[in-house]
Protein backbone atom coordinates (compact mmCIF):
# COMPACT_ATOMS: atom_id res chain seq x y z
CA MET A 1 -38.42 47.29 -4.20
CA ILE A 2 -35.98 49.44 -6.12
CA GLY A 3 -33.94 50.00 -2.94
CA ALA A 4 -33.56 46.26 -2.58
CA LEU A 5 -31.79 45.85 -5.92
CA PRO A 6 -28.34 47.10 -4.76
CA PHE A 7 -28.54 44.67 -1.81
CA VAL A 8 -29.37 41.77 -4.13
CA ARG A 9 -26.54 42.74 -6.47
CA ARG A 10 -24.09 42.83 -3.55
CA GLN A 11 -25.23 39.40 -2.40
CA VAL A 12 -24.89 37.96 -5.89
CA ARG A 13 -21.43 39.53 -6.24
CA ASN A 14 -20.35 38.15 -2.84
CA LEU A 15 -21.67 34.71 -3.76
CA GLY A 16 -19.74 34.85 -7.05
CA VAL A 17 -16.53 35.80 -5.23
CA SER A 18 -17.07 32.96 -2.74
CA LEU A 19 -17.68 30.43 -5.50
CA ALA A 20 -14.59 31.60 -7.38
CA PHE A 21 -12.54 31.22 -4.20
CA VAL A 22 -13.86 27.69 -3.65
CA VAL A 23 -13.10 26.71 -7.26
CA VAL A 24 -9.57 28.13 -7.13
CA ALA A 25 -8.83 26.63 -3.71
CA SER A 26 -10.20 23.25 -4.77
CA GLY A 27 -8.11 23.34 -7.93
CA LEU A 28 -4.95 24.21 -6.02
CA TRP A 29 -5.65 21.41 -3.52
CA TYR A 30 -6.25 18.93 -6.33
CA TRP A 31 -3.01 19.77 -8.13
CA GLN A 32 -1.02 19.78 -4.91
CA GLU A 33 -2.52 16.44 -3.84
CA ARG A 34 -1.84 14.90 -7.25
CA ASP A 35 1.76 16.13 -7.12
CA VAL A 36 2.26 14.64 -3.65
CA ARG A 37 0.71 11.33 -4.71
CA GLU A 38 2.88 11.09 -7.81
CA ARG A 39 5.97 11.51 -5.64
CA LEU A 40 4.88 8.60 -3.44
CA VAL A 41 4.52 6.07 -6.23
CA TRP A 42 6.76 5.30 -9.18
CA MET A 43 5.25 5.20 -12.69
CA GLY A 44 1.68 5.86 -11.68
CA ILE A 45 -0.92 4.80 -9.15
CA PRO A 46 -2.08 1.19 -9.70
CA ASP A 47 -5.05 0.94 -12.05
CA TRP A 48 -7.62 -1.79 -12.66
CA THR A 49 -7.60 -4.27 -15.55
CA ILE A 50 -11.03 -5.68 -14.66
CA ASP A 51 -14.58 -4.32 -14.49
CA ASP A 52 -15.67 -5.59 -11.09
CA PRO A 53 -17.63 -3.81 -8.32
CA LEU A 54 -15.19 -5.31 -5.80
CA ALA A 55 -12.42 -3.33 -7.50
CA ILE A 56 -13.93 -0.02 -6.38
CA SER A 57 -11.45 1.75 -4.13
CA ARG A 58 -10.25 5.18 -3.09
CA VAL A 59 -6.80 6.52 -2.29
CA LEU A 60 -5.84 7.40 1.27
CA ARG A 61 -2.63 9.34 1.85
CA ASN A 62 -0.46 8.96 4.94
CA ASP A 63 3.03 10.29 5.63
CA GLY A 64 5.19 8.54 3.03
CA VAL A 65 2.47 6.03 2.11
CA LEU A 66 -0.46 5.72 -0.31
CA ILE A 67 -3.25 3.21 0.33
CA GLY A 68 -5.78 1.95 -2.18
CA TRP A 69 -8.64 1.28 0.24
CA SER A 70 -11.70 -0.87 -0.47
CA ASP A 71 -14.85 -0.24 1.56
CA LEU A 72 -16.33 -3.42 0.06
CA ARG A 73 -13.54 -5.81 0.96
CA VAL A 74 -12.67 -3.61 3.99
CA ASN A 75 -8.99 -4.01 3.14
CA PRO A 76 -6.15 -2.06 1.61
CA LEU A 77 -6.00 -3.47 -1.94
CA TRP A 78 -2.56 -1.97 -2.49
CA VAL A 79 -0.14 0.03 -0.37
CA SER A 80 2.68 1.98 -2.00
CA TYR A 81 5.76 3.54 -0.43
CA GLN A 82 9.42 4.28 -1.14
CA LEU A 83 12.26 3.29 1.15
CA HIS A 84 15.70 4.82 1.25
CA ALA A 85 18.98 3.69 2.73
CA VAL A 86 19.07 4.68 6.40
CA ASP A 87 22.31 5.03 8.36
CA ASP A 88 20.92 5.18 11.89
CA ALA A 89 17.51 3.53 12.15
CA ARG A 90 16.31 4.58 15.59
CA ILE A 91 12.57 4.28 15.98
CA GLY A 92 10.19 5.03 18.83
CA GLU A 93 8.17 2.61 20.93
CA ARG A 94 5.60 0.50 19.15
CA PRO A 95 2.31 2.47 19.01
CA ASP A 96 -1.16 1.04 19.60
CA PHE A 97 -3.54 0.21 16.77
CA HIS A 98 -6.33 2.70 16.09
CA ARG A 99 -9.42 2.99 13.93
CA ASP A 100 -9.01 5.14 10.80
CA TRP A 101 -11.90 7.64 10.67
CA ARG A 102 -11.62 7.71 6.86
CA THR A 103 -12.92 4.15 6.47
CA LEU A 104 -16.63 3.47 6.11
CA TRP A 105 -16.83 0.53 8.52
CA PRO A 106 -15.78 0.78 12.21
CA ILE A 107 -12.69 -1.43 12.15
CA THR A 108 -11.06 -1.11 15.55
CA ALA A 109 -7.97 -2.47 17.28
CA ASP A 110 -10.09 -5.32 18.74
CA SER A 111 -11.82 -6.30 15.49
CA TYR A 112 -9.59 -9.39 14.98
CA PHE A 113 -9.81 -10.57 18.60
CA GLY A 114 -10.32 -14.35 18.84
CA SER A 115 -10.24 -14.83 15.05
CA GLY A 116 -6.89 -16.63 14.81
CA TYR A 117 -5.54 -13.86 12.56
CA ASP A 118 -2.94 -11.20 13.32
CA ARG A 119 -3.27 -7.54 12.41
CA GLY A 120 -0.80 -7.69 9.54
CA HIS A 121 0.90 -4.45 8.53
CA MET A 122 1.05 -3.68 4.81
CA ALA A 123 3.32 -0.62 5.15
CA PRO A 124 5.75 -1.96 7.79
CA ASN A 125 6.19 -0.27 11.15
CA TYR A 126 10.00 -0.44 11.29
CA ALA A 127 10.80 0.55 7.71
CA ILE A 128 8.35 3.46 7.61
CA ALA A 129 9.48 4.72 11.01
CA ALA A 130 13.14 4.53 9.96
CA SER A 131 12.45 6.32 6.66
CA TYR A 132 9.78 8.89 7.59
CA GLY A 133 9.73 9.39 11.35
CA ARG A 134 7.50 9.00 14.36
CA GLU A 135 4.23 10.36 12.97
CA ALA A 136 4.52 8.15 9.90
CA GLN A 137 5.13 5.21 12.23
CA ARG A 138 1.93 5.99 14.15
CA GLN A 139 -0.02 6.05 10.89
CA THR A 140 1.11 2.51 10.05
CA PHE A 141 -0.95 1.44 13.07
CA LEU A 142 -4.18 2.74 11.59
CA MET A 143 -6.46 -0.20 10.79
CA SER A 144 -6.62 0.93 7.14
CA ASN A 145 -3.01 -0.31 6.84
CA VAL A 146 -3.88 -3.74 8.20
CA SER A 147 -5.08 -7.03 6.72
CA PRO A 148 -5.74 -10.41 8.43
CA GLN A 149 -2.63 -12.61 8.37
CA ARG A 150 -1.98 -16.00 9.94
CA PRO A 151 0.59 -15.71 12.77
CA ASP A 152 3.28 -17.84 11.05
CA LEU A 153 3.06 -15.58 8.01
CA ASN A 154 2.84 -12.25 9.81
CA ARG A 155 5.40 -12.86 12.54
CA ARG A 156 7.88 -14.92 10.57
CA LEU A 157 7.97 -15.13 6.77
CA TRP A 158 6.34 -11.77 6.00
CA GLN A 159 8.42 -10.03 8.66
CA ARG A 160 11.62 -11.54 7.26
CA LEU A 161 10.75 -10.22 3.81
CA GLU A 162 10.05 -6.74 5.19
CA GLU A 163 13.42 -6.74 6.95
CA VAL A 164 15.31 -7.86 3.84
CA VAL A 165 13.71 -5.04 1.83
CA ILE A 166 14.77 -2.26 4.24
CA ASP A 167 18.03 -3.76 5.55
CA HIS A 168 19.46 -5.14 2.31
CA PHE A 169 17.63 -3.97 -0.81
CA ALA A 170 17.26 -0.32 0.22
CA THR A 171 20.83 -0.28 1.50
CA ARG A 172 22.18 -1.88 -1.68
CA PHE A 173 20.27 0.24 -4.22
CA GLY A 174 19.70 3.48 -2.27
CA THR A 175 15.98 3.71 -3.08
CA VAL A 176 13.34 1.07 -3.67
CA GLN A 177 9.66 1.41 -4.53
CA VAL A 178 7.41 -1.11 -2.79
CA ILE A 179 3.81 -2.00 -3.58
CA THR A 180 2.16 -4.62 -1.43
CA GLY A 181 -1.27 -5.95 -0.58
CA PRO A 182 -3.67 -8.89 -0.34
CA ILE A 183 -4.83 -11.47 -2.88
CA PHE A 184 -8.39 -12.72 -2.47
CA ASP A 185 -10.08 -16.00 -3.30
CA GLU A 186 -11.66 -15.68 -6.76
CA GLY A 187 -14.64 -17.83 -5.75
CA ILE A 188 -17.85 -16.33 -4.41
CA GLY A 189 -17.21 -18.04 -1.06
CA GLY A 190 -14.14 -15.91 -0.50
CA VAL A 191 -16.26 -12.76 -0.31
CA PHE A 192 -18.03 -14.21 2.73
CA HIS A 193 -14.86 -15.40 4.49
CA ARG A 194 -14.54 -12.51 6.87
CA VAL A 195 -13.35 -11.47 10.28
CA GLY A 196 -16.26 -9.25 11.24
CA PHE A 197 -16.49 -6.80 8.33
CA VAL A 198 -13.02 -7.62 6.97
CA GLU A 199 -12.58 -10.09 4.09
CA VAL A 200 -9.77 -12.58 4.70
CA PRO A 201 -7.19 -12.85 1.87
CA GLU A 202 -5.81 -16.18 0.69
CA ALA A 203 -2.34 -14.73 0.01
CA PHE A 204 -0.30 -11.53 -0.09
CA TYR A 205 1.97 -9.96 -2.67
CA LYS A 206 4.94 -7.64 -2.45
CA ILE A 207 6.63 -5.95 -5.43
CA VAL A 208 10.00 -4.27 -4.99
CA VAL A 209 11.37 -2.06 -7.78
CA VAL A 210 14.64 -0.19 -8.18
CA PRO A 211 13.39 2.96 -9.97
CA SER A 212 16.28 3.71 -12.33
CA ARG A 213 16.76 4.23 -16.07
CA GLU A 214 16.96 0.48 -16.37
CA PRO A 215 14.63 -0.59 -13.56
CA ARG A 216 14.74 -4.01 -12.00
CA ALA A 217 12.02 -5.70 -9.97
CA LEU A 218 11.28 -8.63 -7.72
CA ALA A 219 7.79 -9.84 -6.82
CA PHE A 220 6.62 -12.31 -4.20
CA ILE A 221 3.33 -14.09 -3.54
CA MET A 222 3.02 -15.61 -0.08
CA PRO A 223 0.03 -17.75 0.92
CA GLN A 224 -1.52 -17.73 4.37
CA ASN A 225 -0.61 -21.36 5.12
CA VAL A 226 3.17 -21.06 5.50
CA ALA A 227 5.32 -22.46 8.29
CA GLY A 228 7.36 -19.26 8.40
CA ASN A 229 10.87 -20.67 8.04
CA GLU A 230 10.77 -21.20 4.28
CA PRO A 231 13.36 -19.43 2.07
CA LEU A 232 12.04 -16.21 0.60
CA ASP A 233 12.97 -17.18 -2.96
CA ARG A 234 10.47 -20.05 -2.84
CA TYR A 235 7.72 -17.45 -3.26
CA LEU A 236 9.08 -15.48 -6.21
CA ALA A 237 6.56 -14.56 -8.89
CA SER A 238 6.39 -12.32 -11.93
CA ILE A 239 4.57 -9.00 -11.73
CA ASP A 240 2.31 -10.29 -14.50
CA GLU A 241 1.26 -13.13 -12.20
CA VAL A 242 0.48 -10.68 -9.41
CA GLU A 243 -1.56 -8.59 -11.83
CA ALA A 244 -3.46 -11.66 -13.01
CA ARG A 245 -4.38 -12.62 -9.45
CA THR A 246 -5.29 -9.13 -8.24
CA GLY A 247 -6.77 -7.50 -11.34
CA LEU A 248 -4.43 -4.55 -10.83
CA ASP A 249 -2.20 -2.89 -13.39
CA PHE A 250 1.00 -1.80 -11.68
CA PHE A 251 3.22 1.00 -13.02
CA PRO A 252 0.72 2.02 -15.75
CA HIS A 253 2.97 4.86 -17.01
CA LEU A 254 5.78 2.51 -18.05
CA PRO A 255 6.47 2.37 -21.80
CA GLY A 256 5.27 -0.92 -23.31
CA PRO A 257 8.67 -2.54 -24.02
CA VAL A 258 10.02 -1.63 -20.57
CA GLU A 259 6.84 -2.89 -18.91
CA HIS A 260 7.10 -6.23 -20.73
CA ARG A 261 10.74 -6.69 -19.77
CA LEU A 262 10.12 -5.75 -16.14
CA GLU A 263 6.87 -7.63 -15.53
CA SER A 264 6.77 -10.73 -17.72
CA SER A 265 9.31 -12.94 -15.96
CA VAL A 266 11.30 -13.42 -12.76
CA LYS A 267 14.81 -11.96 -12.91
CA THR A 268 16.94 -12.23 -9.79
CA ALA A 269 20.28 -11.07 -11.21
CA GLY A 270 21.85 -8.33 -9.11
CA TRP A 271 19.58 -8.77 -6.08
CA ARG A 272 21.86 -11.25 -4.25
CA LEU A 273 18.69 -12.91 -3.07
CA SER A 274 20.38 -16.21 -2.29
CA GLN A 275 22.44 -14.45 0.40
CA VAL A 276 19.37 -13.16 2.28
CA ALA A 277 16.59 -15.64 1.49
CA ARG A 278 17.22 -17.69 4.64
CA LEU A 279 18.14 -14.97 7.09
CA PRO A 280 16.38 -15.22 10.47
CA SER A 281 14.05 -12.52 11.67
CA ARG A 282 15.44 -9.54 13.58
CA TYR A 283 13.13 -10.33 16.51
């Protein structure tokens, strides 16, 4: 019995060393992950202004992109990324869609088949590929970056807005922060309007910010039932309106007076929106 004591002590000491290693490694990972996340979103990760079980989400990190993923709505609730001016935007061939192993439900490339809805990118293929490279482009084709969109929205109006953001806004201002995502029907019936597991949004929002000392912002809300050839400025909204319809608090680290100025009203000065609002799609 006495001879067993040194063995027990060694085991306890080894266990203590292992636990200390796990704690230190976990702490280093946490701080590194938090630092990476903070660099992918300006003025803080979106927070919730409502106490609602449907608001439960978790953050997924891709190359250049953060996703606030909901396993209840089976949708990205928000997707955040920065775009920079690109001189030579050469991108690879369009990848195939793939299931994201990080999501709870098995949403596959064929999950929308026959539904009448497109697999609508939230972080756009072209802009992310141009800004962050081939692997980042592949990750935009994970189904966690996708939400059901009507074809006239996805292939026309929404695509035109994505192109204006990368081709004109990023080029004009150098860097823009984008947060985008779905807006769901507030009624109980909306929860049951689904394509398989995936809840179908009634609209989509996109917020574009120039992150400077005196930031400026544009926000858009686009419903599903568009024709696709409408001018982009028809769908301007304030960030406060987007927050009211989503329950999200964007840019929570902004000082109060700056937040009020940026989010309370629509200000188009300096964006030259009238020059690009009716541009045709690249494709």
